[in-house]
């Protein structure tokens, strides 16, 4: 069934996919690894500098099969909004997997949580 939208169009759903996983949710967090400031004699900040952007991607999904991406593997994932990844905003997250959590139960589908990291000065292999 096609969606019918009235009013302002907003971003909806999940744009990216992961092999053998129905992605249920994602989040991207970006920050500086180095943040320094200069204060004057009164303790008022006069200069701030941020260097070395780092972005972390967290995905949660339901497994289609028993084969999901492995630790250390590169991952590319489409996000909806231009995030502070790399030197410019982009909707294509590229990093490598640093953590995987699997959760199963006798009355539920097997779920996987994937965490990936990316740094401004490193191009994933």
N, C-alpha and C. Protein backbone atom coordinates (compact mmCIF):
# COMPACT_ATOMS: atom_id res chain seq x y z
N UNK A 1 0.84 -1.17 0.00
CA UNK A 1 0.00 0.00 0.00
C UNK A 1 0.89 1.23 0.00
N UNK A 2 0.61 2.16 -0.84
CA UNK A 2 1.39 3.39 -0.94
C UNK A 2 1.00 4.34 0.20
N UNK A 3 2.00 5.02 0.73
CA UNK A 3 1.75 5.99 1.80
C UNK A 3 1.15 7.26 1.22
N UNK A 4 0.29 7.88 1.98
CA UNK A 4 -0.29 9.16 1.60
C UNK A 4 0.17 10.16 2.66
N UNK A 5 0.81 11.24 2.21
CA UNK A 5 1.34 12.24 3.14
C UNK A 5 0.64 13.56 2.93
N UNK A 6 0.21 14.14 4.01
CA UNK A 6 -0.38 15.48 3.99
C UNK A 6 0.54 16.40 4.79
N UNK A 7 0.73 17.62 4.35
CA UNK A 7 1.56 18.55 5.09
C UNK A 7 3.02 18.41 4.71
N UNK A 8 3.89 18.71 5.65
CA UNK A 8 5.33 18.70 5.42
C UNK A 8 5.85 17.29 5.31
N UNK A 9 6.66 17.04 4.31
CA UNK A 9 7.30 15.74 4.15
C UNK A 9 8.50 15.67 5.07
N UNK A 10 8.61 14.60 5.84
CA UNK A 10 9.73 14.40 6.77
C UNK A 10 10.41 13.07 6.45
N UNK A 11 11.63 12.92 6.92
CA UNK A 11 12.36 11.67 6.74
C UNK A 11 11.68 10.58 7.57
N UNK A 12 11.53 9.39 6.99
CA UNK A 12 10.80 8.32 7.67
C UNK A 12 11.49 6.99 7.41
N UNK A 13 11.48 6.13 8.37
CA UNK A 13 12.00 4.78 8.21
C UNK A 13 13.52 4.72 8.21
N UNK A 14 14.03 3.66 7.64
CA UNK A 14 15.47 3.40 7.62
C UNK A 14 15.93 3.27 6.18
N UNK A 15 16.97 4.02 5.82
CA UNK A 15 17.45 4.02 4.44
C UNK A 15 18.46 2.90 4.18
N UNK A 16 19.25 2.54 5.17
CA UNK A 16 20.34 1.59 4.97
C UNK A 16 19.94 0.14 5.14
N UNK A 17 20.77 -0.75 4.62
CA UNK A 17 20.55 -2.19 4.76
C UNK A 17 21.86 -2.85 5.20
N UNK A 18 21.74 -4.03 5.79
CA UNK A 18 22.88 -4.85 6.19
C UNK A 18 22.59 -6.27 5.73
N UNK A 19 23.59 -6.93 5.16
CA UNK A 19 23.42 -8.28 4.66
C UNK A 19 22.88 -9.21 5.75
N UNK A 20 21.83 -9.95 5.44
CA UNK A 20 21.21 -10.96 6.30
C UNK A 20 20.64 -10.40 7.60
N UNK A 21 20.23 -9.14 7.58
CA UNK A 21 19.68 -8.51 8.78
C UNK A 21 18.53 -7.58 8.39
N UNK A 22 17.38 -7.73 9.05
CA UNK A 22 16.31 -6.75 8.91
C UNK A 22 16.61 -5.65 9.92
N UNK A 23 17.10 -4.52 9.44
CA UNK A 23 17.48 -3.43 10.34
C UNK A 23 16.21 -2.81 10.92
N UNK A 24 16.15 -2.77 12.26
CA UNK A 24 14.99 -2.24 12.96
C UNK A 24 15.22 -0.81 13.45
N UNK A 25 16.48 -0.48 13.76
CA UNK A 25 16.79 0.87 14.20
C UNK A 25 18.29 1.13 14.03
N UNK A 26 18.64 2.42 13.99
CA UNK A 26 20.05 2.80 13.93
C UNK A 26 20.23 4.15 14.60
N UNK A 27 21.46 4.42 14.99
CA UNK A 27 21.80 5.75 15.48
C UNK A 27 23.24 6.04 15.10
N UNK A 28 23.52 7.31 14.84
CA UNK A 28 24.88 7.76 14.52
C UNK A 28 25.23 8.85 15.52
N UNK A 29 26.39 8.70 16.15
CA UNK A 29 26.87 9.68 17.10
C UNK A 29 28.23 10.18 16.63
N UNK A 30 28.40 11.49 16.56
CA UNK A 30 29.66 12.07 16.10
C UNK A 30 30.19 13.03 17.14
N UNK A 31 31.51 13.02 17.29
CA UNK A 31 32.15 13.90 18.26
C UNK A 31 33.60 14.12 17.84
N UNK A 32 34.27 15.01 18.56
CA UNK A 32 35.70 15.23 18.36
C UNK A 32 36.48 14.41 19.38
N UNK A 33 37.57 13.78 18.94
CA UNK A 33 38.45 13.07 19.87
C UNK A 33 39.27 14.05 20.69
N UNK A 34 39.60 15.19 20.11
CA UNK A 34 40.39 16.21 20.80
C UNK A 34 39.59 17.51 20.79
N UNK A 35 39.37 18.06 21.97
CA UNK A 35 38.70 19.36 22.09
C UNK A 35 39.47 20.16 23.14
N UNK A 36 39.98 21.28 22.71
CA UNK A 36 40.77 22.14 23.61
C UNK A 36 40.20 23.54 23.61
N UNK A 37 40.45 24.27 24.71
CA UNK A 37 39.98 25.63 24.81
C UNK A 37 41.01 26.50 25.51
N UNK A 38 40.90 27.80 25.28
CA UNK A 38 41.74 28.79 25.94
C UNK A 38 40.81 29.71 26.72
N UNK A 39 41.16 29.92 28.00
CA UNK A 39 40.37 30.82 28.84
C UNK A 39 41.21 32.03 29.23
N UNK A 40 40.54 33.15 29.43
CA UNK A 40 41.25 34.35 29.86
C UNK A 40 41.45 34.31 31.38
N UNK A 41 41.95 35.40 31.93
CA UNK A 41 42.25 35.49 33.35
C UNK A 41 41.02 35.33 34.24
N UNK A 42 39.84 35.57 33.68
CA UNK A 42 38.59 35.46 34.44
C UNK A 42 37.89 34.13 34.25
N UNK A 43 38.54 33.22 33.53
CA UNK A 43 37.94 31.90 33.30
C UNK A 43 36.90 31.88 32.21
N UNK A 44 36.86 32.89 31.36
CA UNK A 44 35.91 32.95 30.25
C UNK A 44 36.57 32.34 29.02
N UNK A 45 35.88 31.40 28.40
CA UNK A 45 36.42 30.75 27.21
C UNK A 45 36.50 31.74 26.06
N UNK A 46 37.70 31.84 25.48
CA UNK A 46 37.94 32.76 24.36
C UNK A 46 38.20 32.02 23.06
N UNK A 47 38.68 30.80 23.14
CA UNK A 47 38.97 30.01 21.94
C UNK A 47 38.62 28.56 22.21
N UNK A 48 38.00 27.93 21.23
CA UNK A 48 37.72 26.49 21.29
C UNK A 48 38.17 25.87 19.98
N UNK A 49 38.77 24.68 20.05
CA UNK A 49 39.22 23.99 18.85
C UNK A 49 38.89 22.50 18.99
N UNK A 50 38.28 21.94 17.94
CA UNK A 50 37.99 20.52 17.90
C UNK A 50 38.72 19.87 16.75
N UNK A 51 39.35 18.73 17.00
CA UNK A 51 40.10 17.99 15.97
C UNK A 51 39.73 16.52 15.99
N UNK A 52 39.98 15.86 14.88
CA UNK A 52 39.87 14.40 14.75
C UNK A 52 38.45 13.92 15.01
N UNK A 53 37.59 14.12 14.02
CA UNK A 53 36.20 13.68 14.15
C UNK A 53 36.13 12.15 14.24
N UNK A 54 35.21 11.68 15.08
CA UNK A 54 34.94 10.25 15.24
C UNK A 54 33.44 10.07 15.16
N UNK A 55 32.99 9.06 14.42
CA UNK A 55 31.57 8.75 14.35
C UNK A 55 31.35 7.30 14.73
N UNK A 56 30.28 7.06 15.47
CA UNK A 56 29.93 5.70 15.88
C UNK A 56 28.53 5.39 15.38
N UNK A 57 28.39 4.26 14.72
CA UNK A 57 27.11 3.78 14.20
C UNK A 57 26.65 2.62 15.05
N UNK A 58 25.40 2.64 15.48
CA UNK A 58 24.80 1.52 16.21
C UNK A 58 23.58 1.05 15.43
N UNK A 59 23.52 -0.25 15.15
CA UNK A 59 22.41 -0.85 14.42
C UNK A 59 21.78 -1.95 15.25
N UNK A 60 20.49 -2.10 15.14
CA UNK A 60 19.80 -3.23 15.75
C UNK A 60 18.90 -3.85 14.70
N UNK A 61 18.87 -5.18 14.66
CA UNK A 61 18.04 -5.84 13.67
C UNK A 61 17.74 -7.28 14.00
N UNK A 62 16.87 -7.87 13.18
CA UNK A 62 16.47 -9.27 13.31
C UNK A 62 17.21 -10.06 12.24
N UNK A 63 17.82 -11.18 12.65
CA UNK A 63 18.62 -12.00 11.73
C UNK A 63 17.74 -12.71 10.71
N UNK A 64 18.16 -12.68 9.44
CA UNK A 64 17.51 -13.46 8.39
C UNK A 64 18.12 -14.86 8.37
N UNK A 65 19.43 -14.93 8.51
CA UNK A 65 20.16 -16.21 8.56
C UNK A 65 21.20 -16.11 9.67
N UNK A 66 21.98 -17.14 9.85
CA UNK A 66 23.01 -17.14 10.89
C UNK A 66 24.28 -16.44 10.49
N UNK A 67 24.31 -15.84 9.30
CA UNK A 67 25.52 -15.16 8.83
C UNK A 67 25.29 -13.66 8.82
N UNK A 68 25.96 -12.96 9.72
CA UNK A 68 25.90 -11.50 9.77
C UNK A 68 27.33 -10.98 9.68
N UNK A 69 27.52 -9.69 9.41
CA UNK A 69 28.88 -9.17 9.33
C UNK A 69 29.67 -9.47 10.60
N UNK A 70 30.98 -9.64 10.45
CA UNK A 70 31.84 -10.06 11.56
C UNK A 70 32.65 -8.89 12.11
N UNK A 71 33.22 -9.07 13.30
CA UNK A 71 34.10 -8.08 13.91
C UNK A 71 35.23 -7.72 12.95
N UNK A 72 35.52 -6.45 12.86
CA UNK A 72 36.61 -5.98 12.00
C UNK A 72 36.22 -5.75 10.56
N UNK A 73 35.05 -6.21 10.16
CA UNK A 73 34.62 -6.05 8.77
C UNK A 73 34.22 -4.60 8.51
N UNK A 74 34.47 -4.14 7.28
CA UNK A 74 34.02 -2.80 6.87
C UNK A 74 32.51 -2.81 6.73
N UNK A 75 31.90 -1.67 6.99
CA UNK A 75 30.45 -1.55 6.85
C UNK A 75 30.13 -0.20 6.22
N UNK A 76 29.22 -0.22 5.27
CA UNK A 76 28.69 0.99 4.65
C UNK A 76 27.19 0.99 4.90
N UNK A 77 26.67 2.11 5.39
CA UNK A 77 25.26 2.17 5.75
C UNK A 77 24.71 3.54 5.38
N UNK A 78 23.58 3.57 4.72
CA UNK A 78 22.95 4.83 4.33
C UNK A 78 22.13 5.37 5.49
N UNK A 79 22.37 6.62 5.85
CA UNK A 79 21.58 7.29 6.88
C UNK A 79 20.79 8.40 6.20
N UNK A 80 19.76 8.91 6.85
CA UNK A 80 18.89 9.91 6.23
C UNK A 80 19.47 11.32 6.25
N UNK A 81 20.11 11.70 7.35
CA UNK A 81 20.54 13.09 7.51
C UNK A 81 22.05 13.21 7.32
N UNK A 82 22.50 14.35 6.81
CA UNK A 82 23.94 14.60 6.68
C UNK A 82 24.54 14.69 8.07
N UNK A 83 25.40 13.74 8.41
CA UNK A 83 26.00 13.72 9.74
C UNK A 83 27.41 14.28 9.69
N UNK A 84 27.99 14.51 10.84
CA UNK A 84 29.34 15.06 10.94
C UNK A 84 30.39 13.96 10.80
N UNK A 85 30.29 13.19 9.75
CA UNK A 85 31.24 12.11 9.52
C UNK A 85 32.28 12.57 8.51
N UNK A 86 33.54 12.35 8.82
CA UNK A 86 34.60 12.76 7.90
C UNK A 86 34.74 14.27 7.89
N UNK A 87 35.21 14.81 6.79
CA UNK A 87 35.44 16.25 6.72
C UNK A 87 34.22 17.01 6.23
N UNK A 88 33.23 16.30 5.69
CA UNK A 88 32.01 16.97 5.23
C UNK A 88 30.81 16.14 5.66
N UNK A 89 29.64 16.75 5.65
CA UNK A 89 28.43 16.01 5.95
C UNK A 89 28.12 15.03 4.83
N UNK A 90 27.65 13.85 5.18
CA UNK A 90 27.35 12.83 4.18
C UNK A 90 26.23 11.94 4.68
N UNK A 91 25.54 11.29 3.78
CA UNK A 91 24.51 10.32 4.17
C UNK A 91 25.00 8.89 3.98
N UNK A 92 26.27 8.71 3.73
CA UNK A 92 26.84 7.37 3.59
C UNK A 92 27.88 7.15 4.68
N UNK A 93 27.53 6.34 5.67
CA UNK A 93 28.46 6.04 6.76
C UNK A 93 29.37 4.89 6.32
N UNK A 94 30.67 5.07 6.48
CA UNK A 94 31.63 4.01 6.16
C UNK A 94 32.56 3.87 7.36
N UNK A 95 32.61 2.68 7.94
CA UNK A 95 33.45 2.41 9.10
C UNK A 95 33.76 0.94 9.20
N UNK A 96 34.14 0.49 10.38
CA UNK A 96 34.39 -0.93 10.58
C UNK A 96 33.74 -1.37 11.89
N UNK A 97 33.35 -2.64 11.93
CA UNK A 97 32.59 -3.19 13.05
C UNK A 97 33.52 -3.44 14.23
N UNK A 98 33.15 -2.87 15.39
CA UNK A 98 33.97 -3.01 16.59
C UNK A 98 33.29 -3.81 17.69
N UNK A 99 31.97 -4.07 17.54
CA UNK A 99 31.25 -4.81 18.58
C UNK A 99 30.00 -5.43 17.98
N UNK A 100 29.71 -6.67 18.38
CA UNK A 100 28.47 -7.34 17.96
C UNK A 100 27.86 -8.00 19.19
N UNK A 101 26.57 -7.76 19.40
CA UNK A 101 25.82 -8.41 20.47
C UNK A 101 24.70 -9.21 19.83
N UNK A 102 24.51 -10.44 20.29
CA UNK A 102 23.42 -11.29 19.80
C UNK A 102 22.50 -11.61 20.96
N UNK A 103 21.19 -11.55 20.70
CA UNK A 103 20.21 -11.84 21.73
C UNK A 103 19.15 -12.77 21.17
N UNK A 104 18.87 -13.85 21.88
CA UNK A 104 17.85 -14.79 21.45
C UNK A 104 17.00 -15.22 22.62
N UNK A 105 15.84 -15.75 22.34
CA UNK A 105 14.95 -16.23 23.38
C UNK A 105 14.03 -17.28 22.81
N UNK A 106 13.39 -18.06 23.70
CA UNK A 106 12.56 -19.15 23.21
C UNK A 106 11.21 -18.69 22.65
N UNK A 107 10.89 -17.41 22.76
CA UNK A 107 9.64 -16.89 22.21
C UNK A 107 9.87 -15.62 21.42
N UNK A 108 11.05 -15.52 20.76
CA UNK A 108 11.34 -14.33 19.97
C UNK A 108 12.34 -14.65 18.87
N UNK A 109 12.46 -13.77 17.91
CA UNK A 109 13.44 -13.92 16.85
C UNK A 109 14.82 -13.51 17.37
N UNK A 110 15.86 -14.05 16.77
CA UNK A 110 17.22 -13.70 17.14
C UNK A 110 17.52 -12.29 16.64
N UNK A 111 18.05 -11.48 17.55
CA UNK A 111 18.37 -10.08 17.24
C UNK A 111 19.87 -9.86 17.37
N UNK A 112 20.37 -8.94 16.57
CA UNK A 112 21.79 -8.59 16.61
C UNK A 112 21.92 -7.08 16.72
N UNK A 113 22.86 -6.65 17.55
CA UNK A 113 23.24 -5.24 17.64
C UNK A 113 24.67 -5.11 17.15
N UNK A 114 24.90 -4.18 16.25
CA UNK A 114 26.22 -3.97 15.67
C UNK A 114 26.67 -2.55 15.99
N UNK A 115 27.92 -2.40 16.42
CA UNK A 115 28.52 -1.09 16.64
C UNK A 115 29.71 -0.96 15.70
N UNK A 116 29.79 0.17 15.01
CA UNK A 116 30.90 0.44 14.09
C UNK A 116 31.49 1.80 14.42
N UNK A 117 32.77 1.98 14.11
CA UNK A 117 33.44 3.25 14.34
C UNK A 117 34.12 3.72 13.06
N UNK A 118 34.25 5.04 12.95
CA UNK A 118 34.95 5.65 11.83
C UNK A 118 35.69 6.88 12.34
N UNK A 119 36.88 7.07 11.84
CA UNK A 119 37.70 8.22 12.22
C UNK A 119 38.04 9.03 10.99
N UNK A 120 38.14 10.33 11.17
CA UNK A 120 38.38 11.27 10.08
C UNK A 120 39.65 10.92 9.28
N UNK A 121 40.69 10.48 9.96
CA UNK A 121 41.97 10.25 9.28
C UNK A 121 42.21 8.83 8.81
N UNK A 122 41.19 7.94 8.93
CA UNK A 122 41.37 6.54 8.53
C UNK A 122 40.32 6.17 7.48
N UNK A 123 40.76 5.61 6.38
CA UNK A 123 39.84 5.09 5.37
C UNK A 123 39.72 3.58 5.58
N UNK A 124 38.51 3.07 5.91
CA UNK A 124 38.35 1.64 6.15
C UNK A 124 38.76 0.81 4.93
N UNK A 125 39.36 -0.33 5.20
CA UNK A 125 39.81 -1.24 4.12
C UNK A 125 38.64 -2.01 3.55
